[in-house]
PDB file of N, CA and C in Angstrom:
ATOM      1  N   MET A   1       0.844  -1.169   0.000  1.00  0.00           N
ATOM      2  CA  MET A   1       0.000   0.000   0.000  1.00  0.00           C
ATOM      3  C   MET A   1       0.893   1.236   0.000  1.00  0.00           C
ATOM      4  N   ASP A   2       0.593   2.192  -0.843  1.00  0.00           N
ATOM      5  CA  ASP A   2       1.380   3.412  -0.993  1.00  0.00           C
ATOM      6  C   ASP A   2       0.745   4.513  -0.153  1.00  0.00           C
ATOM      7  N   LEU A   3       1.490   5.032   0.828  1.00  0.00           N
ATOM      8  CA  LEU A   3       0.965   6.053   1.725  1.00  0.00           C
ATOM      9  C   LEU A   3       1.432   7.453   1.376  1.00  0.00           C
ATOM     10  N   ARG A   4       2.173   7.599   0.280  1.00  0.00           N
ATOM     11  CA  ARG A   4       2.658   8.922  -0.105  1.00  0.00           C
ATOM     12  C   ARG A   4       1.518   9.757  -0.653  1.00  0.00           C
ATOM     13  N   ILE A   5       1.557  11.035  -0.349  1.00  0.00           N
ATOM     14  CA  ILE A   5       0.562  11.965  -0.854  1.00  0.00           C
ATOM     15  C   ILE A   5       1.001  12.414  -2.239  1.00  0.00           C
ATOM     16  N   PRO A   6       0.100  12.370  -3.236  1.00  0.00           N
ATOM     17  CA  PRO A   6       0.481  12.816  -4.576  1.00  0.00           C
ATOM     18  C   PRO A   6       0.925  14.267  -4.566  1.00  0.00           C
ATOM     19  N   SER A   7       1.844  14.602  -5.451  1.00  0.00           N
ATOM     20  CA  SER A   7       2.417  15.948  -5.467  1.00  0.00           C
ATOM     21  C   SER A   7       1.374  17.023  -5.767  1.00  0.00           C
ATOM     22  N   SER A   8       0.266  16.673  -6.398  1.00  0.00           N
ATOM     23  CA  SER A   8      -0.743  17.678  -6.723  1.00  0.00           C
ATOM     24  C   SER A   8      -1.503  18.139  -5.492  1.00  0.00           C
ATOM     25  N   THR A   9      -1.448  17.364  -4.371  1.00  0.00           N
ATOM     26  CA  THR A   9      -2.176  17.758  -3.172  1.00  0.00           C
ATOM     27  C   THR A   9      -1.276  18.340  -2.100  1.00  0.00           C
ATOM     28  N   THR A  10       0.048  18.313  -2.301  1.00  0.00           N
ATOM     29  CA  THR A  10       0.937  18.869  -1.300  1.00  0.00           C
ATOM     30  C   THR A  10       0.968  20.383  -1.423  1.00  0.00           C
ATOM     31  N   PRO A  11       1.090  21.066  -0.294  1.00  0.00           N
ATOM     32  CA  PRO A  11       1.129  22.522  -0.369  1.00  0.00           C
ATOM     33  C   PRO A  11       2.385  23.009  -1.071  1.00  0.00           C
ATOM     34  N   MET A  12       2.253  24.127  -1.787  1.00  0.00           N
ATOM     35  CA  MET A  12       3.406  24.716  -2.471  1.00  0.00           C
ATOM     36  C   MET A  12       4.227  25.490  -1.455  1.00  0.00           C
ATOM     37  N   MET A  13       5.557  25.349  -1.536  1.00  0.00           N
ATOM     38  CA  MET A  13       6.409  26.020  -0.568  1.00  0.00           C
ATOM     39  C   MET A  13       7.494  26.815  -1.265  1.00  0.00           C
ATOM     40  N   GLY A  14       7.869  27.907  -0.653  1.00  0.00           N
ATOM     41  CA  GLY A  14       9.032  28.681  -1.030  1.00  0.00           C
ATOM     42  C   GLY A  14       9.109  29.055  -2.492  1.00  0.00           C
ATOM     43  N   ALA A  15      10.303  28.836  -3.079  1.00  0.00           N
ATOM     44  CA  ALA A  15      10.559  29.230  -4.454  1.00  0.00           C
ATOM     45  C   ALA A  15       9.709  28.443  -5.436  1.00  0.00           C
ATOM     46  N   GLY A  16       9.311  27.224  -5.066  1.00  0.00           N
ATOM     47  CA  GLY A  16       8.470  26.428  -5.940  1.00  0.00           C
ATOM     48  C   GLY A  16       7.154  27.117  -6.235  1.00  0.00           C
ATOM     49  N   MET A  17       6.628  27.804  -5.237  1.00  0.00           N
ATOM     50  CA  MET A  17       5.370  28.523  -5.428  1.00  0.00           C
ATOM     51  C   MET A  17       5.560  29.682  -6.397  1.00  0.00           C
ATOM     52  N   ALA A  18       6.682  30.385  -6.272  1.00  0.00           N
ATOM     53  CA  ALA A  18       6.934  31.505  -7.163  1.00  0.00           C
ATOM     54  C   ALA A  18       7.120  31.024  -8.600  1.00  0.00           C
ATOM     55  N   ARG A  19       7.822  29.914  -8.760  1.00  0.00           N
ATOM     56  CA  ARG A  19       8.014  29.363 -10.101  1.00  0.00           C
ATOM     57  C   ARG A  19       6.682  28.947 -10.702  1.00  0.00           C
ATOM     58  N   ARG A  20       5.844  28.303  -9.910  1.00  0.00           N
ATOM     59  CA  ARG A  20       4.562  27.843 -10.430  1.00  0.00           C
ATOM     60  C   ARG A  20       3.650  29.012 -10.770  1.00  0.00           C
ATOM     61  N   ALA A  21       3.679  30.054  -9.954  1.00  0.00           N
ATOM     62  CA  ALA A  21       2.820  31.210 -10.213  1.00  0.00           C
ATOM     63  C   ALA A  21       3.308  31.979 -11.435  1.00  0.00           C
ATOM     64  N   ALA A  22       4.631  31.981 -11.665  1.00  0.00           N
ATOM     65  CA  ALA A  22       5.176  32.743 -12.787  1.00  0.00           C
ATOM     66  C   ALA A  22       5.056  31.996 -14.109  1.00  0.00           C
ATOM     67  N   MET A  23       4.854  30.682 -14.038  1.00  0.00           N
ATOM     68  CA  MET A  23       4.750  29.899 -15.263  1.00  0.00           C
ATOM     69  C   MET A  23       3.454  30.232 -15.982  1.00  0.00           C
ATOM     70  N   PRO A  24       3.486  30.355 -17.305  1.00  0.00           N
ATOM     71  CA  PRO A  24       2.250  30.625 -18.026  1.00  0.00           C
ATOM     72  C   PRO A  24       1.296  29.450 -17.903  1.00  0.00           C
ATOM     73  N   GLN A  25       0.049  29.753 -17.655  1.00  0.00           N
ATOM     74  CA  GLN A  25      -0.966  28.730 -17.464  1.00  0.00           C
ATOM     75  C   GLN A  25      -1.929  28.739 -18.635  1.00  0.00           C
ATOM     76  N   ALA A  26      -2.472  27.573 -18.918  1.00  0.00           N
ATOM     77  CA  ALA A  26      -3.498  27.485 -19.954  1.00  0.00           C
ATOM     78  C   ALA A  26      -4.738  28.224 -19.471  1.00  0.00           C
ATOM     79  N   GLU A  27      -5.476  28.781 -20.386  1.00  0.00           N
ATOM     80  CA  GLU A  27      -6.655  29.540 -20.018  1.00  0.00           C
ATOM     81  C   GLU A  27      -7.652  28.632 -19.327  1.00  0.00           C
ATOM     82  N   GLY A  28      -8.281  29.124 -18.261  1.00  0.00           N
ATOM     83  CA  GLY A  28      -9.239  28.331 -17.515  1.00  0.00           C
ATOM     84  C   GLY A  28      -8.646  27.799 -16.212  1.00  0.00           C
ATOM     85  N   ASN A  29      -7.313  27.734 -16.091  1.00  0.00           N
ATOM     86  CA  ASN A  29      -6.690  27.304 -14.853  1.00  0.00           C
ATOM     87  C   ASN A  29      -6.553  28.500 -13.927  1.00  0.00           C
ATOM     88  N   ASP A  30      -6.896  28.301 -12.652  1.00  0.00           N
ATOM     89  CA  ASP A  30      -6.738  29.362 -11.670  1.00  0.00           C
ATOM     90  C   ASP A  30      -5.272  29.464 -11.288  1.00  0.00           C
ATOM     91  N   VAL A  31      -4.797  30.675 -11.130  1.00  0.00           N
ATOM     92  CA  VAL A  31      -3.424  30.928 -10.752  1.00  0.00           C
ATOM     93  C   VAL A  31      -3.432  31.663  -9.427  1.00  0.00           C
ATOM     94  N   GLY A  32      -2.486  31.365  -8.584  1.00  0.00           N
ATOM     95  CA  GLY A  32      -2.333  32.094  -7.349  1.00  0.00           C
ATOM     96  C   GLY A  32      -3.038  31.438  -6.186  1.00  0.00           C
ATOM     97  N   PHE A  33      -3.338  32.276  -5.203  1.00  0.00           N
ATOM     98  CA  PHE A  33      -3.893  31.782  -3.947  1.00  0.00           C
ATOM     99  C   PHE A  33      -5.255  31.132  -4.143  1.00  0.00           C
ATOM    100  N   SER A  34      -6.114  31.747  -4.925  1.00  0.00           N
ATOM    101  CA  SER A  34      -7.466  31.191  -5.100  1.00  0.00           C
ATOM    102  C   SER A  34      -7.416  29.824  -5.772  1.00  0.00           C
ATOM    103  N   GLY A  35      -6.528  29.656  -6.733  1.00  0.00           N
ATOM    104  CA  GLY A  35      -6.390  28.364  -7.396  1.00  0.00           C
ATOM    105  C   GLY A  35      -5.849  27.298  -6.450  1.00  0.00           C
ATOM    106  N   ALA A  36      -4.865  27.685  -5.637  1.00  0.00           N
ATOM    107  CA  ALA A  36      -4.296  26.739  -4.679  1.00  0.00           C
ATOM    108  C   ALA A  36      -5.329  26.340  -3.634  1.00  0.00           C
ATOM    109  N   LEU A  37      -6.109  27.317  -3.164  1.00  0.00           N
ATOM    110  CA  LEU A  37      -7.144  27.033  -2.180  1.00  0.00           C
ATOM    111  C   LEU A  37      -8.228  26.142  -2.763  1.00  0.00           C
ATOM    112  N   LYS A  38      -8.629  26.439  -3.986  1.00  0.00           N
ATOM    113  CA  LYS A  38      -9.651  25.623  -4.643  1.00  0.00           C
ATOM    114  C   LYS A  38      -9.163  24.194  -4.831  1.00  0.00           C
ATOM    115  N   GLY A  39      -7.926  24.031  -5.256  1.00  0.00           N
ATOM    116  CA  GLY A  39      -7.361  22.700  -5.428  1.00  0.00           C
ATOM    117  C   GLY A  39      -7.270  21.931  -4.122  1.00  0.00           C
ATOM    118  N   ALA A  40      -6.879  22.630  -3.054  1.00  0.00           N
ATOM    119  CA  ALA A  40      -6.783  21.981  -1.750  1.00  0.00           C
ATOM    120  C   ALA A  40      -8.156  21.535  -1.257  1.00  0.00           C
ATOM    121  N   LEU A  41      -9.161  22.395  -1.432  1.00  0.00           N
ATOM    122  CA  LEU A  41     -10.510  22.024  -1.009  1.00  0.00           C
ATOM    123  C   LEU A  41     -11.044  20.847  -1.808  1.00  0.00           C
ATOM    124  N   GLN A  42     -10.738  20.811  -3.093  1.00  0.00           N
ATOM    125  CA  GLN A  42     -11.171  19.683  -3.919  1.00  0.00           C
ATOM    126  C   GLN A  42     -10.488  18.392  -3.502  1.00  0.00           C
ATOM    127  N   SER A  43      -9.207  18.459  -3.144  1.00  0.00           N
ATOM    128  CA  SER A  43      -8.506  17.243  -2.729  1.00  0.00           C
ATOM    129  C   SER A  43      -9.023  16.741  -1.381  1.00  0.00           C
ATOM    130  N   VAL A  44      -9.364  17.661  -0.473  1.00  0.00           N
ATOM    131  CA  VAL A  44      -9.942  17.256   0.813  1.00  0.00           C
ATOM    132  C   VAL A  44     -11.312  16.618   0.586  1.00  0.00           C
ATOM    133  N   SER A  45     -12.097  17.208  -0.290  1.00  0.00           N
ATOM    134  CA  SER A  45     -13.406  16.643  -0.598  1.00  0.00           C
ATOM    135  C   SER A  45     -13.275  15.261  -1.227  1.00  0.00           C
ATOM    136  N   ALA A  46     -12.319  15.094  -2.125  1.00  0.00           N
ATOM    137  CA  ALA A  46     -12.111  13.787  -2.759  1.00  0.00           C
ATOM    138  C   ALA A  46     -11.678  12.746  -1.732  1.00  0.00           C
ATOM    139  N   ALA A  47     -10.823  13.143  -0.786  1.00  0.00           N
ATOM    140  CA  ALA A  47     -10.386  12.207   0.257  1.00  0.00           C
ATOM    141  C   ALA A  47     -11.557  11.791   1.138  1.00  0.00           C
ATOM    142  N   GLN A  48     -12.443  12.748   1.454  1.00  0.00           N
ATOM    143  CA  GLN A  48     -13.616  12.418   2.262  1.00  0.00           C
ATOM    144  C   GLN A  48     -14.564  11.494   1.504  1.00  0.00           C
ATOM    145  N   ASN A  49     -14.749  11.748   0.215  1.00  0.00           N
ATOM    146  CA  ASN A  49     -15.612  10.883  -0.588  1.00  0.00           C
ATOM    147  C   ASN A  49     -15.034   9.470  -0.681  1.00  0.00           C
ATOM    148  N   LYS A  50     -13.722   9.379  -0.876  1.00  0.00           N
ATOM    149  CA  LYS A  50     -13.077   8.072  -0.972  1.00  0.00           C
ATOM    150  C   LYS A  50     -13.226   7.309   0.334  1.00  0.00           C
ATOM    151  N   SER A  51     -13.004   7.980   1.459  1.00  0.00           N
ATOM    152  CA  SER A  51     -13.120   7.282   2.734  1.00  0.00           C
ATOM    153  C   SER A  51     -14.559   6.839   2.990  1.00  0.00           C
ATOM    154  N   GLY A  52     -15.518   7.651   2.587  1.00  0.00           N
ATOM    155  CA  GLY A  52     -16.921   7.257   2.730  1.00  0.00           C
ATOM    156  C   GLY A  52     -17.267   6.044   1.884  1.00  0.00           C
ATOM    157  N   ASP A  53     -16.755   6.022   0.656  1.00  0.00           N
ATOM    158  CA  ASP A  53     -16.992   4.871  -0.223  1.00  0.00           C
ATOM    159  C   ASP A  53     -16.358   3.604   0.353  1.00  0.00           C
ATOM    160  N   LEU A  54     -15.130   3.732   0.867  1.00  0.00           N
ATOM    161  CA  LEU A  54     -14.465   2.574   1.448  1.00  0.00           C
ATOM    162  C   LEU A  54     -15.198   2.087   2.694  1.00  0.00           C
ATOM    163  N   GLN A  55     -15.715   3.014   3.496  1.00  0.00           N
ATOM    164  CA  GLN A  55     -16.484   2.615   4.682  1.00  0.00           C
ATOM    165  C   GLN A  55     -17.716   1.812   4.287  1.00  0.00           C
ATOM    166  N   LYS A  56     -18.410   2.257   3.238  1.00  0.00           N
ATOM    167  CA  LYS A  56     -19.592   1.528   2.774  1.00  0.00           C
ATOM    168  C   LYS A  56     -19.215   0.130   2.300  1.00  0.00           C
ATOM    169  N   GLU A  57     -18.084   0.028   1.577  1.00  0.00           N
ATOM    170  CA  GLU A  57     -17.652  -1.277   1.070  1.00  0.00           C
ATOM    171  C   GLU A  57     -17.284  -2.225   2.203  1.00  0.00           C
ATOM    172  N   VAL A  58     -16.655  -1.697   3.254  1.00  0.00           N
ATOM    173  CA  VAL A  58     -16.319  -2.539   4.409  1.00  0.00           C
ATOM    174  C   VAL A  58     -17.595  -3.000   5.105  1.00  0.00           C
ATOM    175  N   GLN A  59     -18.565  -2.098   5.242  1.00  0.00           N
ATOM    176  CA  GLN A  59     -19.828  -2.471   5.881  1.00  0.00           C
ATOM    177  C   GLN A  59     -20.587  -3.518   5.074  1.00  0.00           C
ATOM    178  N   LEU A  60     -20.425  -3.491   3.749  1.00  0.00           N
ATOM    179  CA  LEU A  60     -21.065  -4.481   2.888  1.00  0.00           C
ATOM    180  C   LEU A  60     -20.230  -5.762   2.784  1.00  0.00           C
ATOM    181  N   GLU A  61     -19.132  -5.819   3.534  1.00  0.00           N
ATOM    182  CA  GLU A  61     -18.232  -6.971   3.597  1.00  0.00           C
ATOM    183  C   GLU A  61     -17.647  -7.335   2.241  1.00  0.00           C
ATOM    184  N   ASN A  62     -17.239  -6.321   1.499  1.00  0.00           N
ATOM    185  CA  ASN A  62     -16.572  -6.528   0.215  1.00  0.00           C
ATOM    186  C   ASN A  62     -15.175  -7.078   0.491  1.00  0.00           C
ATOM    187  N   PRO A  63     -14.839  -8.272  -0.007  1.00  0.00           N
ATOM    188  CA  PRO A  63     -13.530  -8.865   0.306  1.00  0.00           C
ATOM    189  C   PRO A  63     -12.354  -8.146  -0.355  1.00  0.00           C
ATOM    190  N   SER A  64     -12.603  -7.327  -1.360  1.00  0.00           N
ATOM    191  CA  SER A  64     -11.499  -6.644  -2.033  1.00  0.00           C
ATOM    192  C   SER A  64     -11.064  -5.366  -1.316  1.00  0.00           C
ATOM    193  N   VAL A  65     -11.811  -4.947  -0.289  1.00  0.00           N
ATOM    194  CA  VAL A  65     -11.480  -3.734   0.466  1.00  0.00           C
ATOM    195  C   VAL A  65     -11.042  -4.147   1.868  1.00  0.00           C
ATOM    196  N   SER A  66      -9.818  -3.753   2.237  1.00  0.00           N
ATOM    197  CA  SER A  66      -9.302  -4.121   3.553  1.00  0.00           C
ATOM    198  C   SER A  66      -9.658  -3.056   4.587  1.00  0.00           C
ATOM    199  N   LEU A  67      -9.741  -3.490   5.809  1.00  0.00           N
ATOM    200  CA  LEU A  67     -10.031  -2.577   6.911  1.00  0.00           C
ATOM    201  C   LEU A  67      -8.886  -1.586   7.103  1.00  0.00           C
ATOM    202  N   GLU A  68      -7.654  -2.058   6.896  1.00  0.00           N
ATOM    203  CA  GLU A  68      -6.489  -1.181   7.059  1.00  0.00           C
ATOM    204  C   GLU A  68      -6.506  -0.045   6.046  1.00  0.00           C
ATOM    205  N   GLU A  69      -6.819  -0.379   4.802  1.00  0.00           N
ATOM    206  CA  GLU A  69      -6.899   0.639   3.747  1.00  0.00           C
ATOM    207  C   GLU A  69      -7.979   1.663   4.070  1.00  0.00           C
ATOM    208  N   THR A  70      -9.092   1.174   4.599  1.00  0.00           N
ATOM    209  CA  THR A  70     -10.201   2.057   4.967  1.00  0.00           C
ATOM    210  C   THR A  70      -9.812   2.990   6.102  1.00  0.00           C
ATOM    211  N   MET A  71      -9.136   2.454   7.116  1.00  0.00           N
ATOM    212  CA  MET A  71      -8.737   3.276   8.261  1.00  0.00           C
ATOM    213  C   MET A  71      -7.719   4.343   7.854  1.00  0.00           C
ATOM    214  N   VAL A  72      -6.802   3.995   6.961  1.00  0.00           N
ATOM    215  CA  VAL A  72      -5.818   4.979   6.485  1.00  0.00           C
ATOM    216  C   VAL A  72      -6.529   6.086   5.705  1.00  0.00           C
ATOM    217  N   ALA A  73      -7.495   5.713   4.870  1.00  0.00           N
ATOM    218  CA  ALA A  73      -8.248   6.710   4.097  1.00  0.00           C
ATOM    219  C   ALA A  73      -9.037   7.632   5.030  1.00  0.00           C
ATOM    220  N   ILE A  74      -9.608   7.072   6.095  1.00  0.00           N
ATOM    221  CA  ILE A  74     -10.353   7.884   7.065  1.00  0.00           C
ATOM    222  C   ILE A  74      -9.422   8.870   7.750  1.00  0.00           C
ATOM    223  N   GLN A  75      -8.237   8.405   8.155  1.00  0.00           N
ATOM    224  CA  GLN A  75      -7.283   9.289   8.821  1.00  0.00           C
ATOM    225  C   GLN A  75      -6.797  10.395   7.898  1.00  0.00           C
ATOM    226  N   LYS A  76      -6.543  10.067   6.624  1.00  0.00           N
ATOM    227  CA  LYS A  76      -6.135  11.091   5.657  1.00  0.00           C
ATOM    228  C   LYS A  76      -7.225  12.148   5.507  1.00  0.00           C
ATOM    229  N   ALA A  77      -8.484  11.707   5.440  1.00  0.00           N
ATOM    230  CA  ALA A  77      -9.589  12.647   5.298  1.00  0.00           C
ATOM    231  C   ALA A  77      -9.715  13.532   6.535  1.00  0.00           C
ATOM    232  N   GLN A  78      -9.539  12.943   7.724  1.00  0.00           N
ATOM    233  CA  GLN A  78      -9.634  13.726   8.953  1.00  0.00           C
ATOM    234  C   GLN A  78      -8.512  14.755   9.059  1.00  0.00           C
ATOM    235  N   ILE A  79      -7.303  14.350   8.713  1.00  0.00           N
ATOM    236  CA  ILE A  79      -6.165  15.276   8.772  1.00  0.00           C
ATOM    237  C   ILE A  79      -6.351  16.412   7.772  1.00  0.00           C
ATOM    238  N   GLY A  80      -6.801  16.083   6.572  1.00  0.00           N
ATOM    239  CA  GLY A  80      -7.058  17.118   5.571  1.00  0.00           C
ATOM    240  C   GLY A  80      -8.134  18.085   6.014  1.00  0.00           C
ATOM    241  N   PHE A  81      -9.189  17.562   6.625  1.00  0.00           N
ATOM    242  CA  PHE A  81     -10.272  18.424   7.099  1.00  0.00           C
ATOM    243  C   PHE A  81      -9.800  19.327   8.235  1.00  0.00           C
ATOM    244  N   GLN A  82      -9.013  18.773   9.158  1.00  0.00           N
ATOM    245  CA  GLN A  82      -8.482  19.587  10.254  1.00  0.00           C
ATOM    246  C   GLN A  82      -7.564  20.686   9.725  1.00  0.00           C
ATOM    247  N   ALA A  83      -6.749  20.365   8.747  1.00  0.00           N
ATOM    248  CA  ALA A  83      -5.871  21.380   8.154  1.00  0.00           C
ATOM    249  C   ALA A  83      -6.694  22.469   7.483  1.00  0.00           C
ATOM    250  N   THR A  84      -7.767  22.065   6.810  1.00  0.00           N
ATOM    251  CA  THR A  84      -8.646  23.038   6.169  1.00  0.00           C
ATOM    252  C   THR A  84      -9.285  23.961   7.201  1.00  0.00           C
ATOM    253  N   LEU A  85      -9.708  23.406   8.328  1.00  0.00           N
ATOM    254  CA  LEU A  85     -10.284  24.237   9.389  1.00  0.00           C
ATOM    255  C   LEU A  85      -9.265  25.225   9.944  1.00  0.00           C
ATOM    256  N   HIS A  86      -8.026  24.778  10.115  1.00  0.00           N
ATOM    257  CA  HIS A  86      -6.989  25.684  10.618  1.00  0.00           C
ATOM    258  C   HIS A  86      -6.730  26.822   9.637  1.00  0.00           C
ATOM    259  N   VAL A  87      -6.690  26.500   8.348  1.00  0.00           N
ATOM    260  CA  VAL A  87      -6.480  27.540   7.339  1.00  0.00           C
ATOM    261  C   VAL A  87      -7.642  28.529   7.361  1.00  0.00           C
ATOM    262  N   ARG A  88      -8.858  28.014   7.441  1.00  0.00           N
ATOM    263  CA  ARG A  88     -10.023  28.895   7.491  1.00  0.00           C
ATOM    264  C   ARG A  88      -9.968  29.809   8.709  1.00  0.00           C
ATOM    265  N   ASN A  89      -9.627  29.251   9.863  1.00  0.00           N
ATOM    266  CA  ASN A  89      -9.551  30.069  11.079  1.00  0.00           C
ATOM    267  C   ASN A  89      -8.461  31.129  10.972  1.00  0.00           C
ATOM    268  N   ARG A  90      -7.334  30.767  10.365  1.00  0.00           N
ATOM    269  CA  ARG A  90      -6.269  31.760  10.186  1.00  0.00           C
ATOM    270  C   ARG A  90      -6.699  32.864   9.229  1.00  0.00           C
ATOM    271  N   MET A  91      -7.417  32.503   8.176  1.00  0.00           N
ATOM    272  CA  MET A  91      -7.882  33.501   7.218  1.00  0.00           C
ATOM    273  C   MET A  91      -8.889  34.449   7.867  1.00  0.00           C
ATOM    274  N   VAL A  92      -9.786  33.915   8.659  1.00  0.00           N
ATOM    275  CA  VAL A  92     -10.772  34.752   9.343  1.00  0.00           C
ATOM    276  C   VAL A  92     -10.069  35.679  10.326  1.00  0.00           C
ATOM    277  N   GLN A  93      -9.074  35.148  11.053  1.00  0.00           N
ATOM    278  CA  GLN A  93      -8.329  35.976  11.993  1.00  0.00           C
ATOM    279  C   GLN A  93      -7.562  37.079  11.270  1.00  0.00           C
ATOM    280  N   ALA A  94      -6.951  36.757  10.133  1.00  0.00           N
ATOM    281  CA  ALA A  94      -6.223  37.767   9.356  1.00  0.00           C
ATOM    282  C   ALA A  94      -7.174  38.842   8.846  1.00  0.00           C
ATOM    283  N   TYR A  95      -8.348  38.436   8.378  1.00  0.00           N
ATOM    284  CA  TYR A  95      -9.343  39.399   7.905  1.00  0.00           C
ATOM    285  C   TYR A  95      -9.783  40.309   9.052  1.00  0.00           C
ATOM    286  N   THR A  96     -10.025  39.721  10.212  1.00  0.00           N
ATOM    287  CA  THR A  96     -10.426  40.521  11.374  1.00  0.00           C
ATOM    288  C   THR A  96      -9.333  41.503  11.766  1.00  0.00           C
ATOM    289  N   ASP A  97      -8.081  41.051  11.759  1.00  0.00           N
ATOM    290  CA  ASP A  97      -6.967  41.936  12.112  1.00  0.00           C
ATOM    291  C   ASP A  97      -6.851  43.088  11.126  1.00  0.00           C
ATOM    292  N   ILE A  98      -7.013  42.806   9.841  1.00  0.00           N
ATOM    293  CA  ILE A  98      -6.917  43.861   8.833  1.00  0.00           C
ATOM    294  C   ILE A  98      -8.072  44.861   8.984  1.00  0.00           C
ATOM    295  N   MET A  99      -9.268  44.361   9.245  1.00  0.00           N
ATOM    296  CA  MET A  99     -10.409  45.250   9.381  1.00  0.00           C
ATOM    297  C   MET A  99     -10.319  46.114  10.641  1.00  0.00           C
ATOM    298  N   ASN A 100      -9.591  45.654  11.653  1.00  0.00           N
ATOM    299  CA  ASN A 100      -9.453  46.417  12.885  1.00  0.00           C
ATOM    300  C   ASN A 100      -8.281  47.392  12.868  1.00  0.00           C
ATOM    301  N   MET A 101      -7.500  47.377  11.768  1.00  0.00           N
ATOM    302  CA  MET A 101      -6.371  48.306  11.681  1.00  0.00           C
ATOM    303  C   MET A 101      -6.876  49.734  11.513  1.00  0.00           C
ATOM    304  N   GLN A 102      -6.165  50.643  12.161  1.00  0.00           N
ATOM    305  CA  GLN A 102      -6.499  52.050  12.006  1.00  0.00           C
ATOM    306  C   GLN A 102      -5.758  52.599  10.806  1.00  0.00           C
ATOM    307  N   VAL A 103      -6.463  53.387  10.015  1.00  0.00           N
ATOM    308  CA  VAL A 103      -5.864  53.949   8.812  1.00  0.00           C
ATOM    309  C   VAL A 103      -5.366  55.346   9.069  1.00  0.00           C
TER     310      VAL A 103
END
């Protein structure tokens, strides 16, 4: 079983983010923060959907789905959701701080 996270779902860091943002994108692709946020939310949603599907298969006693695989998928979905909540809380706090600044 492969537990590595695909590179498309890992957060962009440092110079890699600048290179990716500066690269010309095909029309229709989101660039920048909104695109990264949208992609992250989609990957979290996909992980939650996958874990839900695996849970249903385990409950239906499908022999091709292992309990270990299901538990790992559930944990990945929970970690992704918790990270999403932390990002949301930080964004709300940043917005509140900016709105409370005196001009």
